[in-house]
């Protein structure tokens, strides 16, 4: 009989694991997905023909394997560049753009090449992201504030806080206290809901280590050189990337296509099935109990291997009495930050000379805009038209995503949809971006446990990891599966290594935990600091240099 791998969750990590098992082994993957769709936080929500990308997903990776894997699922569309040069860590490859005779035979099943633009909205003005020392920046901030920022930065370089105990220490050491107070502190606390001095410095290290004032200056100089067709920009910090790939109909299109391949190859997927129990035999997980959310019916599945992307809190709980009391307590108290998107369809936006709009309806050219204003709750604004024109049903309208960070069950999360829609429209009008009368339609999307958090009981997470590592046939992967703020490509790499380990008969998980920690997966290599972590993304705090 074939061996069986129970895969908990149909997000990027779970689906990657399933497809890799089918491609490379005769192990039967059975996916249990609690929701009624695939993709996890990388899904695409279709609302009346207008599509929502939850959180914003650039398809960019420093990993050759990930980039090639994506392009195999969805090829790059035909653009002016017949052949696009992709280079990673001084290694260059050529890839052809989409041809009409491609085996998919559809110009819809493609990845688009998109230009990246994101800015900061602060003091009712637009600032470059990352900040650049330009006349516009000087004018927006004013000479006195810029002088204070410069002086504060110089002081911080001469008076470093060691050891770095908190995110506040981490940021002040790299940017100075004045810049930290101007652009980091309030926004970060809006995102996470706790003071920066309570957040672990490890979070800053994982998300924004490679970004600094010096890097931004160097990047500005490089931009003066002729532009190449390099899409990967492997030696560029993620926050400075200028181009990226993007599925025509949003990130969910990628994972819907992967799901089709998984099912075509014999994989099994059960929607709306929640894992409620794990039973052990001889130290291994022997069975997985799943409950049909619609009917309440439960079924028990035999498991030779378990690949889990479910939140660690829920995974430990499903193990019953097997974990120690201490491990269960730490896992139960692991913090998460939840997330809501208010979709607003508008006929036009208010004219703003700084927005540099070329559209008759005053749509800014940004993919997303960080809202740093303290008098509103919205944290970030996505403009879905600029991710892909296919995300919007009517190209004469503007489809906006207002992103709110909250905790499940708090006052903001608990607001009725109707009130959230009104709040979104009022807040954008308050900061001068739209007129409320120009709102045509709206919707609300809630995403619980979107971001694993690095405070509270996370300081003891090593004890939970140590326990999980004792279970030889359990492979935690992905963002929630490892309680690590990984991006999509890192989650995929953990899934790939889980399959590698299964094939090799290796139960040690160290190589998986090293993803986004080991230098091979850094945004850049720092020889003098081999143990540093790296990453930055649109979901992180505003990285300013």
Foldseek 3Di string as FASTA:
>chain_A
DAAEEEEEAQALLSLLLLLCCLVPHRYAYEYEHQAQAHHALQAWDQDPLFIDRRLDDFAAALDPVSVVVLCVLANAADDPDQWFWADHPNRIDIDGHDDCPPPVNDNQRHKYKAFAFEWAQDPLFTAGFQHDPDPVVCVVCDPVLVVVQVVQQVVLCVPQDPPQFWLQSLCCNFRGDSVCVRANFLLQCLQVVDGRRQAGVQQCLFAAVVDGPVLVVVLVVVVVDDDGSHAHPLLHAPSSHTIGIARQQGSNSSSVSSVVVSVVSPHHYDYSWAWQAFDDDPLATQWTWIARNVPRDIDIDGHPFYEYAAAQLRVVNRHPPPDDPVLNVLSVWFDFKKKKKKKWKFQAKFADVNLVDPDPRRDRLHQKYAYPDPVASFGMKGFVCSSHVSSDPDSSITIMITMGIHAPPDPVNPDDFVVVNVSVLVVCVVSRIHHSVRTDDIGMDIRHRPAGGRGDSVVVCVVNVVSQLSHQRYQQADCSSSSHRDGSSLRSVLSVVNSVCVVVVHSGSVVNVCRQQAQSRASHDDPVCRRGGYHHDSSHRRRYD
